[in-house]
PDB file of all heavy atoms in Angstrom:
ATOM      1  N   ILE A   1     -50.470 -30.053-224.595  1.00  0.00           N
ATOM      2  CA  ILE A   1     -49.462 -30.107-223.404  1.00  0.00           C
ATOM      3  C   ILE A   1     -48.434 -31.125-223.600  1.00  0.00           C
ATOM      4  O   ILE A   1     -47.210 -30.918-223.282  1.00  0.00           O
ATOM      5  CB  ILE A   1     -50.216 -30.353-222.099  1.00  0.00           C
ATOM      6  CG1 ILE A   1     -51.158 -29.225-221.704  1.00  0.00           C
ATOM      7  CG2 ILE A   1     -49.318 -30.752-220.972  1.00  0.00           C
ATOM      8  CD1 ILE A   1     -51.980 -29.406-220.447  1.00  0.00           C
ATOM      9  N   VAL A   2     -48.786 -32.265-224.282  1.00  0.00           N
ATOM     10  CA  VAL A   2     -47.757 -33.300-224.523  1.00  0.00           C
ATOM     11  C   VAL A   2     -47.285 -33.155-225.974  1.00  0.00           C
ATOM     12  O   VAL A   2     -46.054 -33.134-226.179  1.00  0.00           O
ATOM     13  CB  VAL A   2     -48.469 -34.713-224.428  1.00  0.00           C
ATOM     14  CG1 VAL A   2     -47.460 -35.745-224.844  1.00  0.00           C
ATOM     15  CG2 VAL A   2     -48.831 -34.855-223.023  1.00  0.00           C
ATOM     16  N   THR A   3     -48.126 -32.913-226.972  1.00  0.00           N
ATOM     17  CA  THR A   3     -47.672 -32.804-228.348  1.00  0.00           C
ATOM     18  C   THR A   3     -46.751 -31.556-228.528  1.00  0.00           C
ATOM     19  O   THR A   3     -45.822 -31.688-229.400  1.00  0.00           O
ATOM     20  CB  THR A   3     -48.846 -32.718-229.280  1.00  0.00           C
ATOM     21  OG1 THR A   3     -49.652 -31.718-229.042  1.00  0.00           O
ATOM     22  CG2 THR A   3     -49.664 -34.050-229.170  1.00  0.00           C
ATOM     23  N   GLY A   4     -46.980 -30.603-227.834  1.00  0.00           N
ATOM     24  CA  GLY A   4     -46.188 -29.335-227.904  1.00  0.00           C
ATOM     25  C   GLY A   4     -44.870 -29.460-227.087  1.00  0.00           C
ATOM     26  O   GLY A   4     -44.084 -28.495-227.096  1.00  0.00           O
ATOM     27  N   GLY A   5     -44.708 -30.543-226.384  1.00  0.00           N
ATOM     28  CA  GLY A   5     -43.423 -30.685-225.626  1.00  0.00           C
ATOM     29  C   GLY A   5     -43.339 -30.124-224.294  1.00  0.00           C
ATOM     30  O   GLY A   5     -42.311 -29.963-223.611  1.00  0.00           O
ATOM     31  N   TRP A   6     -44.525 -29.603-223.731  1.00  0.00           N
ATOM     32  CA  TRP A   6     -44.498 -28.990-222.466  1.00  0.00           C
ATOM     33  C   TRP A   6     -44.349 -29.996-221.349  1.00  0.00           C
ATOM     34  O   TRP A   6     -43.660 -29.699-220.292  1.00  0.00           O
ATOM     35  CB  TRP A   6     -45.843 -28.284-222.168  1.00  0.00           C
ATOM     36  CG  TRP A   6     -46.150 -27.173-223.192  1.00  0.00           C
ATOM     37  CD1 TRP A   6     -45.369 -26.797-224.210  1.00  0.00           C
ATOM     38  CD2 TRP A   6     -47.281 -26.357-223.136  1.00  0.00           C
ATOM     39  NE1 TRP A   6     -46.004 -25.693-224.952  1.00  0.00           N
ATOM     40  CE2 TRP A   6     -47.158 -25.372-224.299  1.00  0.00           C
ATOM     41  CE3 TRP A   6     -48.405 -26.228-222.273  1.00  0.00           C
ATOM     42  CZ2 TRP A   6     -48.031 -24.503-224.537  1.00  0.00           C
ATOM     43  CZ3 TRP A   6     -49.343 -25.381-222.625  1.00  0.00           C
ATOM     44  CH2 TRP A   6     -49.206 -24.368-223.716  1.00  0.00           C
ATOM     45  N   LEU A   7     -44.908 -31.241-221.596  1.00  0.00           N
ATOM     46  CA  LEU A   7     -44.857 -32.232-220.550  1.00  0.00           C
ATOM     47  C   LEU A   7     -44.243 -33.521-221.153  1.00  0.00           C
ATOM     48  O   LEU A   7     -44.800 -33.986-222.210  1.00  0.00           O
ATOM     49  CB  LEU A   7     -46.246 -32.508-219.964  1.00  0.00           C
ATOM     50  CG  LEU A   7     -46.314 -33.560-218.781  1.00  0.00           C
ATOM     51  CD1 LEU A   7     -45.690 -32.988-217.515  1.00  0.00           C
ATOM     52  CD2 LEU A   7     -47.808 -33.902-218.527  1.00  0.00           C
ATOM     53  N   PRO A   8     -43.161 -34.156-220.616  1.00  0.00           N
ATOM     54  CA  PRO A   8     -42.676 -35.354-221.201  1.00  0.00           C
ATOM     55  C   PRO A   8     -43.652 -36.493-221.167  1.00  0.00           C
ATOM     56  O   PRO A   8     -44.402 -36.623-220.288  1.00  0.00           O
ATOM     57  CB  PRO A   8     -41.484 -35.643-220.216  1.00  0.00           C
ATOM     58  CG  PRO A   8     -41.207 -34.379-219.543  1.00  0.00           C
ATOM     59  CD  PRO A   8     -42.400 -33.657-219.409  1.00  0.00           C
ATOM     60  N   GLU A   9     -43.578 -37.310-222.264  1.00  0.00           N
ATOM     61  CA  GLU A   9     -44.531 -38.389-222.417  1.00  0.00           C
ATOM     62  C   GLU A   9     -44.451 -39.436-221.260  1.00  0.00           C
ATOM     63  O   GLU A   9     -45.561 -39.970-220.934  1.00  0.00           O
ATOM     64  CB  GLU A   9     -44.304 -39.048-223.767  1.00  0.00           C
ATOM     65  CG  GLU A   9     -44.740 -38.210-224.987  1.00  0.00           C
ATOM     66  CD  GLU A   9     -44.687 -39.005-226.356  1.00  0.00           C
ATOM     67  OE1 GLU A   9     -44.479 -40.254-226.203  1.00  0.00           O
ATOM     68  OE2 GLU A   9     -44.825 -38.285-227.338  1.00  0.00           O
ATOM     69  N   HIS A  10     -43.270 -39.667-220.712  1.00  0.00           N
ATOM     70  CA  HIS A  10     -43.232 -40.671-219.679  1.00  0.00           C
ATOM     71  C   HIS A  10     -43.913 -40.255-218.459  1.00  0.00           C
ATOM     72  O   HIS A  10     -44.413 -40.975-217.643  1.00  0.00           O
ATOM     73  CB  HIS A  10     -41.714 -40.943-219.370  1.00  0.00           C
ATOM     74  CG  HIS A  10     -41.037 -39.931-218.649  1.00  0.00           C
ATOM     75  ND1 HIS A  10     -40.371 -38.886-219.251  1.00  0.00           N
ATOM     76  CD2 HIS A  10     -40.888 -39.736-217.180  1.00  0.00           C
ATOM     77  CE1 HIS A  10     -39.757 -38.100-218.348  1.00  0.00           C
ATOM     78  NE2 HIS A  10     -40.117 -38.602-217.163  1.00  0.00           N
ATOM     79  N   ARG A  11     -44.046 -38.866-218.207  1.00  0.00           N
ATOM     80  CA  ARG A  11     -44.869 -38.373-217.047  1.00  0.00           C
ATOM     81  C   ARG A  11     -46.273 -38.321-217.451  1.00  0.00           C
ATOM     82  O   ARG A  11     -47.106 -38.616-216.625  1.00  0.00           O
ATOM     83  CB  ARG A  11     -44.289 -36.972-216.631  1.00  0.00           C
ATOM     84  CG  ARG A  11     -45.124 -36.305-215.476  1.00  0.00           C
ATOM     85  CD  ARG A  11     -44.944 -37.053-214.193  1.00  0.00           C
ATOM     86  NE  ARG A  11     -45.759 -36.417-213.200  1.00  0.00           N
ATOM     87  CZ  ARG A  11     -45.459 -35.353-212.452  1.00  0.00           C
ATOM     88  NH1 ARG A  11     -44.277 -34.704-212.670  1.00  0.00           N
ATOM     89  NH2 ARG A  11     -46.296 -34.920-211.454  1.00  0.00           N
ATOM     90  N   ALA A  12     -46.559 -37.919-218.653  1.00  0.00           N
ATOM     91  CA  ALA A  12     -47.915 -37.809-219.033  1.00  0.00           C
ATOM     92  C   ALA A  12     -48.789 -39.081-218.979  1.00  0.00           C
ATOM     93  O   ALA A  12     -49.924 -39.006-218.645  1.00  0.00           O
ATOM     94  CB  ALA A  12     -48.037 -37.182-220.485  1.00  0.00           C
ATOM     95  N   GLY A  13     -48.095 -40.238-219.239  1.00  0.00           N
ATOM     96  CA  GLY A  13     -48.743 -41.434-219.095  1.00  0.00           C
ATOM     97  C   GLY A  13     -49.344 -41.809-217.759  1.00  0.00           C
ATOM     98  O   GLY A  13     -50.164 -42.657-217.576  1.00  0.00           O
ATOM     99  N   ARG A  14     -48.848 -41.122-216.734  1.00  0.00           N
ATOM    100  CA  ARG A  14     -49.249 -41.423-215.364  1.00  0.00           C
ATOM    101  C   ARG A  14     -50.214 -40.292-214.867  1.00  0.00           C
ATOM    102  O   ARG A  14     -50.723 -40.483-213.706  1.00  0.00           O
ATOM    103  CB  ARG A  14     -47.980 -41.430-214.468  1.00  0.00           C
ATOM    104  CG  ARG A  14     -46.992 -42.459-214.803  1.00  0.00           C
ATOM    105  CD  ARG A  14     -45.841 -42.462-213.668  1.00  0.00           C
ATOM    106  NE  ARG A  14     -44.850 -43.444-214.022  1.00  0.00           N
ATOM    107  CZ  ARG A  14     -43.677 -43.189-214.715  1.00  0.00           C
ATOM    108  NH1 ARG A  14     -43.518 -41.966-215.102  1.00  0.00           N
ATOM    109  NH2 ARG A  14     -42.816 -44.131-214.939  1.00  0.00           N
ATOM    110  N   CYS A  15     -50.444 -39.346-215.648  1.00  0.00           N
ATOM    111  CA  CYS A  15     -51.126 -38.147-215.071  1.00  0.00           C
ATOM    112  C   CYS A  15     -52.655 -38.374-214.846  1.00  0.00           C
ATOM    113  O   CYS A  15     -53.188 -37.719-213.977  1.00  0.00           O
ATOM    114  CB  CYS A  15     -50.862 -36.959-215.943  1.00  0.00           C
ATOM    115  SG  CYS A  15     -49.210 -36.309-216.015  1.00  0.00           S
ATOM    116  N   VAL A  16     -53.359 -39.120-215.603  1.00  0.00           N
ATOM    117  CA  VAL A  16     -54.717 -39.408-215.346  1.00  0.00           C
ATOM    118  C   VAL A  16     -54.928 -40.025-213.976  1.00  0.00           C
ATOM    119  O   VAL A  16     -55.782 -39.551-213.224  1.00  0.00           O
ATOM    120  CB  VAL A  16     -55.321 -40.359-216.489  1.00  0.00           C
ATOM    121  CG1 VAL A  16     -56.756 -40.807-216.068  1.00  0.00           C
ATOM    122  CG2 VAL A  16     -55.299 -39.633-217.821  1.00  0.00           C
ATOM    123  N   ASN A  17     -54.212 -41.133-213.632  1.00  0.00           N
ATOM    124  CA  ASN A  17     -54.280 -41.718-212.421  1.00  0.00           C
ATOM    125  C   ASN A  17     -53.859 -40.773-211.338  1.00  0.00           C
ATOM    126  O   ASN A  17     -54.386 -40.762-210.213  1.00  0.00           O
ATOM    127  CB  ASN A  17     -53.444 -42.952-212.327  1.00  0.00           C
ATOM    128  CG  ASN A  17     -54.201 -44.039-213.145  1.00  0.00           C
ATOM    129  OD1 ASN A  17     -55.415 -44.107-213.331  1.00  0.00           O
ATOM    130  ND2 ASN A  17     -53.445 -45.096-213.611  1.00  0.00           N
ATOM    131  N   GLU A  18     -52.761 -40.036-211.539  1.00  0.00           N
ATOM    132  CA  GLU A  18     -52.253 -39.055-210.552  1.00  0.00           C
ATOM    133  C   GLU A  18     -53.264 -38.044-210.284  1.00  0.00           C
ATOM    134  O   GLU A  18     -53.594 -37.668-209.065  1.00  0.00           O
ATOM    135  CB  GLU A  18     -50.981 -38.427-211.104  1.00  0.00           C
ATOM    136  CG  GLU A  18     -50.342 -37.526-210.061  1.00  0.00           C
ATOM    137  CD  GLU A  18     -48.879 -36.979-210.526  1.00  0.00           C
ATOM    138  OE1 GLU A  18     -48.280 -37.700-211.404  1.00  0.00           O
ATOM    139  OE2 GLU A  18     -48.461 -35.975-210.048  1.00  0.00           O
ATOM    140  N   TYR A  19     -53.897 -37.438-211.258  1.00  0.00           N
ATOM    141  CA  TYR A  19     -54.913 -36.385-211.000  1.00  0.00           C
ATOM    142  C   TYR A  19     -56.189 -36.965-210.153  1.00  0.00           C
ATOM    143  O   TYR A  19     -56.548 -36.365-209.173  1.00  0.00           O
ATOM    144  CB  TYR A  19     -55.463 -35.758-212.258  1.00  0.00           C
ATOM    145  CG  TYR A  19     -56.578 -34.860-212.020  1.00  0.00           C
ATOM    146  CD1 TYR A  19     -56.370 -33.544-211.559  1.00  0.00           C
ATOM    147  CD2 TYR A  19     -57.953 -35.218-212.181  1.00  0.00           C
ATOM    148  CE1 TYR A  19     -57.485 -32.658-211.289  1.00  0.00           C
ATOM    149  CE2 TYR A  19     -58.977 -34.351-211.875  1.00  0.00           C
ATOM    150  CZ  TYR A  19     -58.690 -33.032-211.396  1.00  0.00           C
ATOM    151  OH  TYR A  19     -59.728 -32.236-211.180  1.00  0.00           O
ATOM    152  N   ARG A  20     -56.617 -38.147-210.663  1.00  0.00           N
ATOM    153  CA  ARG A  20     -57.702 -38.815-209.927  1.00  0.00           C
ATOM    154  C   ARG A  20     -57.412 -39.036-208.496  1.00  0.00           C
ATOM    155  O   ARG A  20     -58.209 -38.952-207.592  1.00  0.00           O
ATOM    156  CB  ARG A  20     -58.167 -40.119-210.633  1.00  0.00           C
ATOM    157  CG  ARG A  20     -58.760 -39.873-212.065  1.00  0.00           C
ATOM    158  CD  ARG A  20     -58.983 -41.204-212.702  1.00  0.00           C
ATOM    159  NE  ARG A  20     -59.609 -40.930-214.051  1.00  0.00           N
ATOM    160  CZ  ARG A  20     -59.862 -41.860-214.885  1.00  0.00           C
ATOM    161  NH1 ARG A  20     -59.432 -43.186-214.639  1.00  0.00           N
ATOM    162  NH2 ARG A  20     -60.485 -41.644-216.012  1.00  0.00           N
ATOM    163  N   ARG A  21     -56.186 -39.470-208.187  1.00  0.00           N
ATOM    164  CA  ARG A  21     -55.768 -39.833-206.904  1.00  0.00           C
ATOM    165  C   ARG A  21     -55.751 -38.603-206.022  1.00  0.00           C
ATOM    166  O   ARG A  21     -56.245 -38.603-204.913  1.00  0.00           O
ATOM    167  CB  ARG A  21     -54.387 -40.549-206.898  1.00  0.00           C
ATOM    168  CG  ARG A  21     -53.952 -40.955-205.465  1.00  0.00           C
ATOM    169  CD  ARG A  21     -52.751 -41.924-205.666  1.00  0.00           C
ATOM    170  NE  ARG A  21     -51.585 -41.280-206.320  1.00  0.00           N
ATOM    171  CZ  ARG A  21     -51.220 -41.652-207.566  1.00  0.00           C
ATOM    172  NH1 ARG A  21     -51.863 -42.625-208.260  1.00  0.00           N
ATOM    173  NH2 ARG A  21     -50.251 -41.035-208.154  1.00  0.00           N
ATOM    174  N   VAL A  22     -55.088 -37.496-206.496  1.00  0.00           N
ATOM    175  CA  VAL A  22     -54.986 -36.256-205.606  1.00  0.00           C
ATOM    176  C   VAL A  22     -56.397 -35.619-205.481  1.00  0.00           C
ATOM    177  O   VAL A  22     -56.689 -35.107-204.456  1.00  0.00           O
ATOM    178  CB  VAL A  22     -53.997 -35.270-206.144  1.00  0.00           C
ATOM    179  CG1 VAL A  22     -52.600 -35.981-206.242  1.00  0.00           C
ATOM    180  CG2 VAL A  22     -54.365 -34.846-207.570  1.00  0.00           C
ATOM    181  N   ALA A  23     -57.196 -35.564-206.536  1.00  0.00           N
ATOM    182  CA  ALA A  23     -58.539 -34.972-206.501  1.00  0.00           C
ATOM    183  C   ALA A  23     -59.351 -35.829-205.475  1.00  0.00           C
ATOM    184  O   ALA A  23     -60.138 -35.172-204.677  1.00  0.00           O
ATOM    185  CB  ALA A  23     -59.178 -34.943-207.812  1.00  0.00           C
ATOM    186  N   ASP A  24     -59.291 -37.089-205.512  1.00  0.00           N
ATOM    187  CA  ASP A  24     -60.144 -37.909-204.674  1.00  0.00           C
ATOM    188  C   ASP A  24     -59.671 -37.786-203.195  1.00  0.00           C
ATOM    189  O   ASP A  24     -60.425 -37.668-202.332  1.00  0.00           O
ATOM    190  CB  ASP A  24     -60.121 -39.462-205.080  1.00  0.00           C
ATOM    191  CG  ASP A  24     -60.882 -40.289-204.255  1.00  0.00           C
ATOM    192  OD1 ASP A  24     -62.164 -40.152-204.176  1.00  0.00           O
ATOM    193  OD2 ASP A  24     -60.297 -41.195-203.493  1.00  0.00           O
ATOM    194  N   SER A  25     -58.325 -37.708-203.064  1.00  0.00           N
ATOM    195  CA  SER A  25     -57.866 -37.441-201.726  1.00  0.00           C
ATOM    196  C   SER A  25     -58.251 -36.180-201.043  1.00  0.00           C
ATOM    197  O   SER A  25     -58.769 -36.229-199.821  1.00  0.00           O
ATOM    198  CB  SER A  25     -56.296 -37.514-201.696  1.00  0.00           C
ATOM    199  OG  SER A  25     -55.711 -38.792-202.196  1.00  0.00           O
ATOM    200  N   TRP A  26     -58.250 -35.192-201.773  1.00  0.00           N
ATOM    201  CA  TRP A  26     -58.660 -33.822-201.218  1.00  0.00           C
ATOM    202  C   TRP A  26     -60.232 -33.920-201.035  1.00  0.00           C
ATOM    203  O   TRP A  26     -60.728 -33.319-200.097  1.00  0.00           O
ATOM    204  CB  TRP A  26     -58.335 -32.722-202.077  1.00  0.00           C
ATOM    205  CG  TRP A  26     -56.923 -32.205-201.727  1.00  0.00           C
ATOM    206  CD1 TRP A  26     -55.758 -32.343-202.334  1.00  0.00           C
ATOM    207  CD2 TRP A  26     -56.573 -31.384-200.498  1.00  0.00           C
ATOM    208  NE1 TRP A  26     -54.721 -31.779-201.621  1.00  0.00           N
ATOM    209  CE2 TRP A  26     -55.236 -31.206-200.582  1.00  0.00           C
ATOM    210  CE3 TRP A  26     -57.323 -30.923-199.489  1.00  0.00           C
ATOM    211  CZ2 TRP A  26     -54.531 -30.481-199.546  1.00  0.00           C
ATOM    212  CZ3 TRP A  26     -56.727 -30.247-198.511  1.00  0.00           C
ATOM    213  CH2 TRP A  26     -55.422 -29.998-198.501  1.00  0.00           C
TER     214      TRP A  26
END
């Protein structure tokens, strides 16, 4: 997803915390 250029690295670096936050919220 990152190495293939689908998702910019500057966004990818935040995605682990972002997923955990939204999953925990729901």
